[in-house]
C-alpha atoms as a PDB file:
ATOM      1  CA  MET A   1      14.496  34.791 -77.806  1.00  0.00           C
ATOM      2  CA  ASN A   2      14.718  35.141 -74.111  1.00  0.00           C
ATOM      3  CA  THR A   3      17.003  32.451 -72.751  1.00  0.00           C
ATOM      4  CA  LYS A   4      17.011  33.742 -69.215  1.00  0.00           C
ATOM      5  CA  PRO A   5      16.133  30.894 -66.886  1.00  0.00           C
ATOM      6  CA  LEU A   6      12.696  31.009 -65.341  1.00  0.00           C
ATOM      7  CA  LEU A   7      13.096  31.660 -61.629  1.00  0.00           C
ATOM      8  CA  ARG A   8      10.382  30.300 -59.372  1.00  0.00           C
ATOM      9  CA  PRO A   9      10.277  31.219 -55.677  1.00  0.00           C
ATOM     10  CA  LEU A  10      10.422  28.473 -53.120  1.00  0.00           C
ATOM     11  CA  PHE A  11       7.818  28.834 -50.397  1.00  0.00           C
ATOM     12  CA  ALA A  12       8.367  26.722 -47.255  1.00  0.00           C
ATOM     13  CA  THR A  13       4.779  26.651 -46.057  1.00  0.00           C
ATOM     14  CA  THR A  14       4.922  24.426 -42.949  1.00  0.00           C
ATOM     15  CA  VAL A  15       7.396  22.697 -40.712  1.00  0.00           C
ATOM     16  CA  LEU A  16       5.910  20.005 -38.473  1.00  0.00           C
ATOM     17  CA  ALA A  17       7.378  18.020 -35.600  1.00  0.00           C
ATOM     18  CA  THR A  18       5.627  14.887 -34.395  1.00  0.00           C
ATOM     19  CA  PHE A  19       6.108  13.305 -30.954  1.00  0.00           C
ATOM     20  CA  THR A  20       5.027   9.790 -30.036  1.00  0.00           C
ATOM     21  CA  PHE A  21       4.328   8.774 -26.406  1.00  0.00           C
ATOM     22  CA  SER A  22       3.485   5.166 -25.632  1.00  0.00           C
ATOM     23  CA  ALA A  23       2.602   5.285 -21.931  1.00  0.00           C
ATOM     24  CA  PRO A  24       0.376   7.213 -19.478  1.00  0.00           C
ATOM     25  CA  VAL A  25       1.681   9.934 -17.187  1.00  0.00           C
ATOM     26  CA  MET A  26       2.663   8.721 -13.712  1.00  0.00           C
ATOM     27  CA  ALA A  27       3.528  10.405 -10.421  1.00  0.00           C
ATOM     28  CA  GLU A  28       6.965  11.315 -11.756  1.00  0.00           C
ATOM     29  CA  GLY A  29       5.913  11.773 -15.386  1.00  0.00           C
ATOM     30  CA  VAL A  30       6.189   9.461 -18.347  1.00  0.00           C
ATOM     31  CA  VAL A  31       6.884   5.848 -17.439  1.00  0.00           C
ATOM     32  CA  ALA A  32      10.488   4.654 -17.594  1.00  0.00           C
ATOM     33  CA  GLY A  33      11.492   2.990 -20.846  1.00  0.00           C
ATOM     34  CA  THR A  34       9.057   5.021 -22.948  1.00  0.00           C
ATOM     35  CA  LEU A  35      10.385   5.979 -26.382  1.00  0.00           C
ATOM     36  CA  ILE A  36       9.876   9.636 -27.311  1.00  0.00           C
ATOM     37  CA  GLU A  37      10.230   9.866 -31.081  1.00  0.00           C
ATOM     38  CA  ASN A  38      10.525  13.120 -33.026  1.00  0.00           C
ATOM     39  CA  THR A  39      10.414  13.591 -36.801  1.00  0.00           C
ATOM     40  CA  ALA A  40      10.282  17.003 -38.502  1.00  0.00           C
ATOM     41  CA  THR A  41       8.422  17.561 -41.767  1.00  0.00           C
ATOM     42  CA  ALA A  42       8.837  20.422 -44.256  1.00  0.00           C
ATOM     43  CA  THR A  43       6.496  21.196 -47.131  1.00  0.00           C
ATOM     44  CA  TYR A  44       7.269  23.581 -49.987  1.00  0.00           C
ATOM     45  CA  GLU A  45       6.353  24.400 -53.554  1.00  0.00           C
ATOM     46  CA  ASP A  46       8.628  24.348 -56.572  1.00  0.00           C
ATOM     47  CA  GLY A  47       7.941  24.474 -60.252  1.00  0.00           C
ATOM     48  CA  GLU A  48       6.515  20.983 -60.144  1.00  0.00           C
ATOM     49  CA  GLY A  49       4.079  21.582 -57.265  1.00  0.00           C
ATOM     50  CA  GLU A  50       4.045  20.915 -53.528  1.00  0.00           C
ATOM     51  CA  LYS A  51       6.787  18.727 -52.082  1.00  0.00           C
ATOM     52  CA  THR A  52       7.252  17.130 -48.657  1.00  0.00           C
ATOM     53  CA  VAL A  53      10.530  16.284 -46.974  1.00  0.00           C
ATOM     54  CA  ASP A  54      10.938  14.353 -43.700  1.00  0.00           C
ATOM     55  CA  SER A  55      13.914  14.615 -41.405  1.00  0.00           C
ATOM     56  CA  ASN A  56      15.535  11.684 -39.730  1.00  0.00           C
ATOM     57  CA  THR A  57      13.722  10.414 -36.612  1.00  0.00           C
ATOM     58  CA  VAL A  58      15.311  11.238 -33.269  1.00  0.00           C
ATOM     59  CA  THR A  59      14.499   8.874 -30.378  1.00  0.00           C
ATOM     60  CA  VAL A  60      14.883   9.568 -26.664  1.00  0.00           C
ATOM     61  CA  THR A  61      14.374   6.773 -24.133  1.00  0.00           C
ATOM     62  CA  VAL A  62      12.956   7.964 -20.783  1.00  0.00           C
ATOM     63  CA  ASP A  63      15.189   7.044 -17.851  1.00  0.00           C
ATOM     64  CA  GLU A  64      13.891   5.663 -14.541  1.00  0.00           C
ATOM     65  CA  LEU A  65      13.436   8.144 -11.695  1.00  0.00           C
ATOM     66  CA  LEU A  66      13.860   6.781  -8.153  1.00  0.00           C
ATOM     67  CA  ASP A  67      11.519   8.385  -5.607  1.00  0.00           C
ATOM     68  CA  VAL A  68       9.535   7.153  -2.594  1.00  0.00           C
ATOM     69  CA  THR A  69       7.321   8.430   0.219  1.00  0.00           C
ATOM     70  CA  VAL A  70       6.491   6.887   3.596  1.00  0.00           C
ATOM     71  CA  THR A  71       3.534   7.982   5.743  1.00  0.00           C
ATOM     72  CA  SER A  72       2.054   6.865   9.049  1.00  0.00           C
ATOM     73  CA  LEU A  73      -1.497   5.536   8.690  1.00  0.00           C
ATOM     74  CA  ASP A  74      -2.407   5.678  12.384  1.00  0.00           C
ATOM     75  CA  GLY A  75      -3.598   9.292  12.445  1.00  0.00           C
ATOM     76  CA  GLY A  76      -1.958   9.939  15.812  1.00  0.00           C
ATOM     77  CA  PRO A  77      -0.468   8.066  18.747  1.00  0.00           C
ATOM     78  CA  VAL A  78      -1.671   4.496  19.131  1.00  0.00           C
ATOM     79  CA  GLY A  79      -2.861   3.789  22.664  1.00  0.00           C
ATOM     80  CA  THR A  80      -1.258   0.702  24.099  1.00  0.00           C
ATOM     81  CA  ALA A  81      -0.067  -1.104  27.210  1.00  0.00           C
ATOM     82  CA  PRO A  82       3.010  -3.266  27.869  1.00  0.00           C
ATOM     83  CA  GLY A  83       3.041  -6.130  25.398  1.00  0.00           C
ATOM     84  CA  GLN A  84       2.573  -6.292  21.652  1.00  0.00           C
ATOM     85  CA  ALA A  85       1.584  -3.249  19.599  1.00  0.00           C
ATOM     86  CA  VAL A  86       1.210  -2.642  15.864  1.00  0.00           C
ATOM     87  CA  LEU A  87       2.043   0.512  13.899  1.00  0.00           C
ATOM     88  CA  SER A  88       0.816   1.008  10.330  1.00  0.00           C
ATOM     89  CA  TYR A  89       2.593   2.823   7.495  1.00  0.00           C
ATOM     90  CA  GLU A  90       2.171   3.317   3.757  1.00  0.00           C
ATOM     91  CA  VAL A  91       5.088   3.089   1.325  1.00  0.00           C
ATOM     92  CA  THR A  92       4.453   4.597  -2.132  1.00  0.00           C
ATOM     93  CA  ASN A  93       6.638   4.304  -5.217  1.00  0.00           C
ATOM     94  CA  GLN A  94       6.749   7.899  -6.468  1.00  0.00           C
ATOM     95  CA  GLY A  95       9.080   7.026  -9.318  1.00  0.00           C
ATOM     96  CA  ASN A  96       8.184   6.299 -12.926  1.00  0.00           C
ATOM     97  CA  GLY A  97       9.197   2.652 -13.056  1.00  0.00           C
ATOM     98  CA  PRO A  98       8.903  -0.578 -11.039  1.00  0.00           C
ATOM     99  CA  GLU A  99      10.994  -0.578  -7.859  1.00  0.00           C
ATOM    100  CA  ALA A 100      11.297  -2.513  -4.582  1.00  0.00           C
ATOM    101  CA  PHE A 101      12.226  -0.848  -1.304  1.00  0.00           C
ATOM    102  CA  THR A 102      14.265  -2.046   1.647  1.00  0.00           C
ATOM    103  CA  LEU A 103      12.567  -1.289   4.982  1.00  0.00           C
ATOM    104  CA  ILE A 104      14.372  -0.431   8.222  1.00  0.00           C
ATOM    105  CA  ALA A 105      12.424   0.061  11.472  1.00  0.00           C
ATOM    106  CA  ASP A 106      14.263   2.029  14.180  1.00  0.00           C
ATOM    107  CA  PRO A 107      12.656   2.079  17.653  1.00  0.00           C
ATOM    108  CA  ALA A 108      15.400   4.259  19.226  1.00  0.00           C
ATOM    109  CA  VAL A 109      14.118   7.703  18.251  1.00  0.00           C
ATOM    110  CA  ALA A 110      15.494  10.747  20.085  1.00  0.00           C
ATOM    111  CA  GLY A 111      13.069  11.968  22.757  1.00  0.00           C
ATOM    112  CA  ASN A 112      11.371   8.613  23.386  1.00  0.00           C
ATOM    113  CA  ASP A 113      10.158   8.017  26.946  1.00  0.00           C
ATOM    114  CA  PHE A 114      10.759   4.317  26.363  1.00  0.00           C
ATOM    115  CA  ASP A 115      12.075   2.202  23.474  1.00  0.00           C
ATOM    116  CA  THR A 116      10.197  -0.756  22.041  1.00  0.00           C
ATOM    117  CA  VAL A 117      11.656  -3.926  20.523  1.00  0.00           C
ATOM    118  CA  VAL A 118      10.838  -4.461  16.836  1.00  0.00           C
ATOM    119  CA  GLU A 119       9.586  -8.022  16.418  1.00  0.00           C
ATOM    120  CA  LEU A 120       8.751  -8.055  12.701  1.00  0.00           C
ATOM    121  CA  ILE A 121       7.785  -6.093   9.614  1.00  0.00           C
ATOM    122  CA  ALA A 122       4.862  -7.384   7.545  1.00  0.00           C
ATOM    123  CA  ILE A 123       2.977  -6.525   4.356  1.00  0.00           C
ATOM    124  CA  ASP A 124      -0.831  -6.177   4.379  1.00  0.00           C
ATOM    125  CA  THR A 125      -1.432  -9.226   2.202  1.00  0.00           C
ATOM    126  CA  ASN A 126      -5.245  -9.208   2.221  1.00  0.00           C
ATOM    127  CA  GLY A 127      -5.608  -5.427   2.024  1.00  0.00           C
ATOM    128  CA  ASN A 128      -7.890  -5.001   5.050  1.00  0.00           C
ATOM    129  CA  GLY A 129      -5.668  -2.478   6.840  1.00  0.00           C
ATOM    130  CA  VAL A 130      -5.376  -4.655   9.967  1.00  0.00           C
ATOM    131  CA  TYR A 131      -2.432  -6.856  10.886  1.00  0.00           C
ATOM    132  CA  ASP A 132      -3.567 -10.492  10.670  1.00  0.00           C
ATOM    133  CA  ASP A 133      -1.114 -12.863  12.309  1.00  0.00           C
ATOM    134  CA  GLY A 134      -0.601 -15.913  10.103  1.00  0.00           C
ATOM    135  CA  VAL A 135      -2.136 -14.191   7.079  1.00  0.00           C
ATOM    136  CA  ASP A 136      -0.063 -11.096   6.333  1.00  0.00           C
ATOM    137  CA  GLU A 137       3.346 -11.742   4.795  1.00  0.00           C
ATOM    138  CA  ILE A 138       6.212 -11.389   7.287  1.00  0.00           C
ATOM    139  CA  LEU A 139       9.328 -10.020   5.599  1.00  0.00           C
ATOM    140  CA  THR A 140      12.703 -11.590   6.301  1.00  0.00           C
ATOM    141  CA  GLY A 141      16.012  -9.755   6.363  1.00  0.00           C
ATOM    142  CA  PRO A 142      16.783  -7.671   4.534  1.00  0.00           C
ATOM    143  CA  GLU A 143      13.099  -6.738   4.819  1.00  0.00           C
ATOM    144  CA  THR A 144      12.113  -5.675   1.311  1.00  0.00           C
ATOM    145  CA  THR A 145       8.772  -4.847  -0.271  1.00  0.00           C
ATOM    146  CA  PRO A 146       7.589  -6.579  -3.410  1.00  0.00           C
ATOM    147  CA  GLU A 147       8.398  -4.668  -6.588  1.00  0.00           C
ATOM    148  CA  LEU A 148       5.917  -1.793  -6.759  1.00  0.00           C
ATOM    149  CA  ALA A 149       4.725  -0.304 -10.030  1.00  0.00           C
ATOM    150  CA  ALA A 150       4.885   3.453 -10.537  1.00  0.00           C
ATOM    151  CA  ASP A 151       2.320   5.105  -8.220  1.00  0.00           C
ATOM    152  CA  GLU A 152       1.677   1.819  -6.386  1.00  0.00           C
ATOM    153  CA  ALA A 153       1.434   1.863  -2.583  1.00  0.00           C
ATOM    154  CA  VAL A 154       1.630  -0.913  -0.001  1.00  0.00           C
ATOM    155  CA  THR A 155       0.572  -0.979   3.655  1.00  0.00           C
ATOM    156  CA  VAL A 156       3.351  -2.035   6.024  1.00  0.00           C
ATOM    157  CA  PHE A 157       2.919  -3.172   9.633  1.00  0.00           C
ATOM    158  CA  VAL A 158       5.672  -2.847  12.225  1.00  0.00           C
ATOM    159  CA  VAL A 159       4.976  -5.140  15.180  1.00  0.00           C
ATOM    160  CA  VAL A 160       6.776  -4.150  18.379  1.00  0.00           C
ATOM    161  CA  THR A 161       6.914  -5.189  22.027  1.00  0.00           C
ATOM    162  CA  VAL A 162       6.315  -2.467  24.607  1.00  0.00           C
ATOM    163  CA  PRO A 163       8.468  -3.005  27.739  1.00  0.00           C
ATOM    164  CA  GLY A 164       6.787  -3.889  31.018  1.00  0.00           C
ATOM    165  CA  ASP A 165       8.243  -0.876  32.827  1.00  0.00           C
ATOM    166  CA  ALA A 166       6.614   1.700  30.508  1.00  0.00           C
ATOM    167  CA  ASN A 167       4.481   4.124  32.528  1.00  0.00           C
ATOM    168  CA  ASP A 168       1.121   5.774  31.958  1.00  0.00           C
ATOM    169  CA  THR A 169       1.167   8.703  29.444  1.00  0.00           C
ATOM    170  CA  GLU A 170       4.719   7.890  28.258  1.00  0.00           C
ATOM    171  CA  VAL A 171       5.252   8.191  24.499  1.00  0.00           C
ATOM    172  CA  SER A 172       7.530   6.339  22.088  1.00  0.00           C
ATOM    173  CA  GLN A 173       8.092   6.646  18.348  1.00  0.00           C
ATOM    174  CA  VAL A 174       9.239   4.081  15.795  1.00  0.00           C
ATOM    175  CA  GLU A 175      10.837   5.326  12.575  1.00  0.00           C
ATOM    176  CA  LEU A 176      10.275   3.403   9.351  1.00  0.00           C
ATOM    177  CA  ARG A 177      12.674   4.113   6.473  1.00  0.00           C
ATOM    178  CA  ALA A 178      12.281   2.926   2.894  1.00  0.00           C
ATOM    179  CA  ASP A 179      15.289   2.868   0.534  1.00  0.00           C
ATOM    180  CA  ALA A 180      15.081   2.100  -3.185  1.00  0.00           C
ATOM    181  CA  VAL A 181      16.793  -1.221  -3.836  1.00  0.00           C
ATOM    182  CA  THR A 182      18.419   0.151  -6.979  1.00  0.00           C
ATOM    183  CA  GLY A 183      20.160   2.788  -4.891  1.00  0.00           C
ATOM    184  CA  THR A 184      19.876   6.052  -2.986  1.00  0.00           C
ATOM    185  CA  GLY A 185      21.827   9.289  -3.078  1.00  0.00           C
ATOM    186  CA  ALA A 186      21.657  12.954  -3.884  1.00  0.00           C
ATOM    187  CA  PRO A 187      19.052  14.113  -6.409  1.00  0.00           C
ATOM    188  CA  GLY A 188      20.502  13.622  -9.866  1.00  0.00           C
ATOM    189  CA  ASP A 189      22.849  10.770  -8.965  1.00  0.00           C
ATOM    190  CA  THR A 190      22.799   8.193 -11.749  1.00  0.00           C
ATOM    191  CA  PHE A 191      23.019   4.402 -11.722  1.00  0.00           C
ATOM    192  CA  ALA A 192      23.994   3.591 -15.303  1.00  0.00           C
ATOM    193  CA  GLY A 193      21.918   0.867 -16.927  1.00  0.00           C
ATOM    194  CA  ALA A 194      20.205  -0.051 -13.629  1.00  0.00           C
ATOM    195  CA  GLY A 195      16.696   1.049 -14.600  1.00  0.00           C
ATOM    196  CA  VAL A 196      13.871  -0.901 -16.200  1.00  0.00           C
ATOM    197  CA  GLY A 197      14.902  -2.378 -19.549  1.00  0.00           C
ATOM    198  CA  GLY A 198      18.495  -1.247 -19.096  1.00  0.00           C
ATOM    199  CA  VAL A 199      17.860   2.509 -19.025  1.00  0.00           C
ATOM    200  CA  ASP A 200      19.689   4.647 -16.486  1.00  0.00           C
ATOM    201  CA  ALA A 201      18.171   5.043 -13.018  1.00  0.00           C
ATOM    202  CA  ILE A 202      18.346   8.596 -11.687  1.00  0.00           C
ATOM    203  CA  VAL A 203      17.757   9.599  -8.056  1.00  0.00           C
ATOM    204  CA  GLY A 204      14.797  11.955  -7.631  1.00  0.00           C
ATOM    205  CA  THR A 205      14.020  14.741  -5.179  1.00  0.00           C
ATOM    206  CA  THR A 206      13.492  12.392  -2.212  1.00  0.00           C
ATOM    207  CA  GLY A 207      16.957  10.905  -2.599  1.00  0.00           C
ATOM    208  CA  ALA A 208      15.163   7.570  -3.245  1.00  0.00           C
ATOM    209  CA  SER A 209      14.793   7.283   0.538  1.00  0.00           C
ATOM    210  CA  ALA A 210      12.022   8.419   2.894  1.00  0.00           C
ATOM    211  CA  ILE A 211      11.064   8.079   6.564  1.00  0.00           C
ATOM    212  CA  ALA A 212       7.963   8.418   8.729  1.00  0.00           C
ATOM    213  CA  ASN A 213       7.429   8.069  12.467  1.00  0.00           C
ATOM    214  CA  GLY A 214       4.622   6.148  14.139  1.00  0.00           C
ATOM    215  CA  SER A 215       3.790   6.864  17.778  1.00  0.00           C
ATOM    216  CA  LEU A 216       2.704   4.838  20.789  1.00  0.00           C
ATOM    217  CA  VAL A 217       1.311   6.240  24.036  1.00  0.00           C
ATOM    218  CA  ILE A 218       0.765   4.293  27.249  1.00  0.00           C
ATOM    219  CA  GLY A 219      -2.620   4.481  28.940  1.00  0.00           C
ATOM    220  CA  LEU A 220      -4.945   5.816  26.266  1.00  0.00           C
ATOM    221  CA  ILE A 221      -7.939   3.581  25.840  1.00  0.00           C
ATOM    222  CA  THR A 222      -7.905   1.573  22.642  1.00  0.00           C
ATOM    223  CA  VAL A 223      -9.166  -1.703  21.202  1.00  0.00           C
ATOM    224  CA  ASP A 224      -6.831  -4.626  20.563  1.00  0.00           C
ATOM    225  CA  LEU A 225      -8.382  -6.777  17.820  1.00  0.00           C
ATOM    226  CA  THR A 226      -7.303 -10.328  16.968  1.00  0.00           C
ATOM    227  CA  LYS A 227      -8.792 -12.886  14.611  1.00  0.00           C
ATOM    228  CA  ALA A 228      -8.575 -16.664  14.461  1.00  0.00           C
ATOM    229  CA  VAL A 229     -10.111 -19.415  12.331  1.00  0.00           C
ATOM    230  CA  SER A 230     -10.868 -23.106  12.803  1.00  0.00           C
ATOM    231  CA  VAL A 231     -11.979 -25.514  10.064  1.00  0.00           C
ATOM    232  CA  VAL A 232     -14.055 -28.698  10.129  1.00  0.00           C
ATOM    233  CA  ASP A 233     -14.300 -30.705   6.910  1.00  0.00           C
ATOM    234  CA  PRO A 234     -17.219 -32.980   5.871  1.00  0.00           C
ATOM    235  CA  PHE A 235     -15.273 -36.014   7.077  1.00  0.00           C
ATOM    236  CA  GLY A 236     -14.720 -34.833  10.624  1.00  0.00           C
ATOM    237  CA  GLY A 237     -11.186 -33.633   9.997  1.00  0.00           C
ATOM    238  CA  THR A 238      -9.664 -30.194   9.705  1.00  0.00           C
ATOM    239  CA  GLY A 239      -9.035 -30.037   5.955  1.00  0.00           C
ATOM    240  CA  ALA A 240     -10.011 -26.947   4.009  1.00  0.00           C
ATOM    241  CA  VAL A 241     -11.936 -28.522   1.120  1.00  0.00           C
ATOM    242  CA  PRO A 242     -15.182 -27.636  -0.623  1.00  0.00           C
ATOM    243  CA  GLY A 243     -17.948 -28.171   1.924  1.00  0.00           C
ATOM    244  CA  SER A 244     -15.726 -27.477   4.942  1.00  0.00           C
ATOM    245  CA  VAL A 245     -17.079 -25.062   7.542  1.00  0.00           C
ATOM    246  CA  ALA A 246     -14.714 -22.335   8.749  1.00  0.00           C
ATOM    247  CA  THR A 247     -15.498 -20.619  12.043  1.00  0.00           C
ATOM    248  CA  PHE A 248     -14.000 -17.158  12.460  1.00  0.00           C
ATOM    249  CA  THR A 249     -13.455 -15.766  15.961  1.00  0.00           C
ATOM    250  CA  ILE A 250     -12.807 -12.043  16.381  1.00  0.00           C
ATOM    251  CA  SER A 251     -11.625 -11.047  19.871  1.00  0.00           C
ATOM    252  CA  ALA A 252     -11.758  -7.418  20.987  1.00  0.00           C
ATOM    253  CA  GLU A 253      -9.922  -6.338  24.149  1.00  0.00           C
ATOM    254  CA  VAL A 254     -10.444  -2.792  25.398  1.00  0.00           C
ATOM    255  CA  VAL A 255      -7.069  -1.596  26.691  1.00  0.00           C
ATOM    256  CA  GLY A 256      -6.528   1.358  29.020  1.00  0.00           C
ATOM    257  CA  ASP A 257      -8.563   3.455  31.424  1.00  0.00           C
ATOM    258  CA  GLY A 258     -11.908   5.130  30.827  1.00  0.00           C
ATOM    259  CA  SER A 259     -14.422   4.365  28.096  1.00  0.00           C
ATOM    260  CA  LEU A 260     -14.961   4.774  24.378  1.00  0.00           C
ATOM    261  CA  ASP A 261     -18.121   4.955  22.293  1.00  0.00           C
ATOM    262  CA  ALA A 262     -19.598   3.405  19.165  1.00  0.00           C
ATOM    263  CA  LEU A 263     -17.466   0.270  18.986  1.00  0.00           C
ATOM    264  CA  VAL A 264     -18.505  -1.646  15.856  1.00  0.00           C
ATOM    265  CA  ILE A 265     -16.811  -4.830  14.673  1.00  0.00           C
ATOM    266  CA  THR A 266     -17.069  -5.628  10.961  1.00  0.00           C
ATOM    267  CA  ASP A 267     -15.656  -8.260   8.657  1.00  0.00           C
ATOM    268  CA  ALA A 268     -16.121  -9.247   5.014  1.00  0.00           C
ATOM    269  CA  ILE A 269     -17.211 -12.716   3.957  1.00  0.00           C
ATOM    270  CA  PRO A 270     -14.123 -14.178   2.246  1.00  0.00           C
ATOM    271  CA  ALA A 271     -14.193 -14.813  -1.493  1.00  0.00           C
ATOM    272  CA  ASP A 272     -15.044 -18.408  -2.492  1.00  0.00           C
ATOM    273  CA  THR A 273     -17.058 -18.946   0.699  1.00  0.00           C
ATOM    274  CA  THR A 274     -20.742 -18.583   1.659  1.00  0.00           C
ATOM    275  CA  TYR A 275     -21.994 -17.220   4.981  1.00  0.00           C
ATOM    276  CA  VAL A 276     -23.806 -19.793   7.140  1.00  0.00           C
ATOM    277  CA  ALA A 277     -27.140 -18.162   7.925  1.00  0.00           C
ATOM    278  CA  GLY A 278     -27.817 -17.670  11.623  1.00  0.00           C
ATOM    279  CA  SER A 279     -24.231 -18.347  12.744  1.00  0.00           C
ATOM    280  CA  LEU A 280     -23.388 -14.818  13.931  1.00  0.00           C
ATOM    281  CA  ALA A 281     -22.914 -14.552  17.705  1.00  0.00           C
ATOM    282  CA  LEU A 282     -21.567 -12.129  20.315  1.00  0.00           C
ATOM    283  CA  ASP A 283     -19.962 -13.717  23.393  1.00  0.00           C
ATOM    284  CA  GLY A 284     -21.745 -16.945  22.527  1.00  0.00           C
ATOM    285  CA  ASN A 285     -25.176 -15.322  22.265  1.00  0.00           C
ATOM    286  CA  PRO A 286     -26.825 -15.676  18.830  1.00  0.00           C
ATOM    287  CA  LEU A 287     -27.574 -12.554  16.820  1.00  0.00           C
ATOM    288  CA  THR A 288     -30.018 -12.237  13.933  1.00  0.00           C
ATOM    289  CA  ASP A 289     -28.760 -11.672  10.425  1.00  0.00           C
ATOM    290  CA  ALA A 290     -31.301  -8.936   9.706  1.00  0.00           C
ATOM    291  CA  ASP A 291     -30.232  -5.310  10.085  1.00  0.00           C
ATOM    292  CA  GLY A 292     -31.954  -3.486  12.954  1.00  0.00           C
ATOM    293  CA  ASP A 293     -33.240  -6.449  14.970  1.00  0.00           C
ATOM    294  CA  ASP A 294     -30.341  -6.424  17.414  1.00  0.00           C
ATOM    295  CA  ALA A 295     -26.638  -5.537  17.532  1.00  0.00           C
ATOM    296  CA  GLY A 296     -25.764  -7.791  14.599  1.00  0.00           C
ATOM    297  CA  SER A 297     -26.320  -8.137  10.881  1.00  0.00           C
ATOM    298  CA  ALA A 298     -24.842 -10.485   8.303  1.00  0.00           C
ATOM    299  CA  SER A 299     -25.028 -11.327   4.598  1.00  0.00           C
ATOM    300  CA  ASP A 300     -22.725 -12.560   1.855  1.00  0.00           C
ATOM    301  CA  ALA A 301     -22.716  -9.163   0.176  1.00  0.00           C
ATOM    302  CA  ALA A 302     -22.349  -6.882   3.212  1.00  0.00           C
ATOM    303  CA  GLY A 303     -20.337  -9.157   5.512  1.00  0.00           C
ATOM    304  CA  ILE A 304     -20.923  -9.157   9.250  1.00  0.00           C
ATOM    305  CA  SER A 305     -21.382  -6.177  11.568  1.00  0.00           C
ATOM    306  CA  VAL A 306     -21.773  -6.126  15.356  1.00  0.00           C
ATOM    307  CA  ASP A 307     -22.560  -2.803  17.063  1.00  0.00           C
ATOM    308  CA  ILE A 308     -21.298  -3.143  20.632  1.00  0.00           C
ATOM    309  CA  GLY A 309     -21.623   0.543  21.558  1.00  0.00           C
ATOM    310  CA  THR A 310     -19.973   2.074  24.636  1.00  0.00           C
ATOM    311  CA  VAL A 311     -17.220  -0.037  26.205  1.00  0.00           C
ATOM    312  CA  ASN A 312     -14.869   0.345  29.174  1.00  0.00           C
ATOM    313  CA  GLY A 313     -11.203  -0.386  29.772  1.00  0.00           C
ATOM    314  CA  GLY A 314     -10.716  -4.048  30.611  1.00  0.00           C
ATOM    315  CA  ASP A 315     -13.788  -5.237  28.698  1.00  0.00           C
ATOM    316  CA  THR A 316     -13.425  -8.128  26.255  1.00  0.00           C
ATOM    317  CA  TYR A 317     -15.791  -9.220  23.491  1.00  0.00           C
ATOM    318  CA  GLU A 318     -15.867 -12.179  21.131  1.00  0.00           C
ATOM    319  CA  VAL A 319     -17.669 -12.260  17.784  1.00  0.00           C
ATOM    320  CA  THR A 320     -18.027 -15.547  15.886  1.00  0.00           C
ATOM    321  CA  PHE A 321     -19.533 -16.555  12.557  1.00  0.00           C
ATOM    322  CA  ASP A 322     -19.316 -19.461  10.109  1.00  0.00           C
ATOM    323  CA  VAL A 323     -18.776 -19.777   6.376  1.00  0.00           C
ATOM    324  CA  THR A 324     -18.819 -22.762   4.058  1.00  0.00           C
ATOM    325  CA  ILE A 325     -16.043 -23.193   1.497  1.00  0.00           C
ATOM    326  CA  ASP A 326     -17.685 -23.248  -1.927  1.00  0.00           C
END
């Protein structure tokens, strides 16, 4: 009788590794705090058939990367005259987790023909890309953005005063710097436990700090646009209640020498209000609401539009319209 043990070969047929990601890819990769889990699986055959064995699960928690960019939104020098001027910038969180950024505006840039005085830094609260005094949020020191999600951007306005002795064609720049509140440093520097959910925060390629320059030039023709509102309630007062009528006044001042073409003033009808038909006017002269009848058009869906056309330095225009609070 053959008592030699029966030898059966072991065949390891597959080895599998599974990865689990619980968040979308952002500007700097997987979002901070994501758990990357990895479990290996082996299958084989023995004398009893196919068997499966799992390894232990290894978990890696993604750290927070600190990165930011700042860009000028003006597309070139902003024409201005002595007095108030506004420069526009965009601050973008390029990291992979929520972060706020401290803002520093420096008007003393090397090579300036004149230096402005920084009056305030504000956030574009209503998202229209234009600084609205009394509407946009003015930041107080230390001027800091709201916490921005990964990939989120915010428009920042730097309001400055141009000195009265600035001369025609002179140029001045204002530098805006954004620093991650968690910290800045050399790429790879680590702030232990300072990231979202207690993960480490690691400085990215930008050093978690970025700058951009906005420019002003004296004498180029430009349009200075301001907006105001007055309210009359159904009882003769000034309360903003349902049924109140709000009158918006948009003032356009053409600053500088020469002329510019195709000046069009537009505005959206605010949410929770209804346009008052026939209320659109230019310099006190009524305009029709229909498109193509004259320089104006207006509707709840499209807002108001006034095509003024060619204008000259020193000209001023005033557009008014009414809405009713729903």
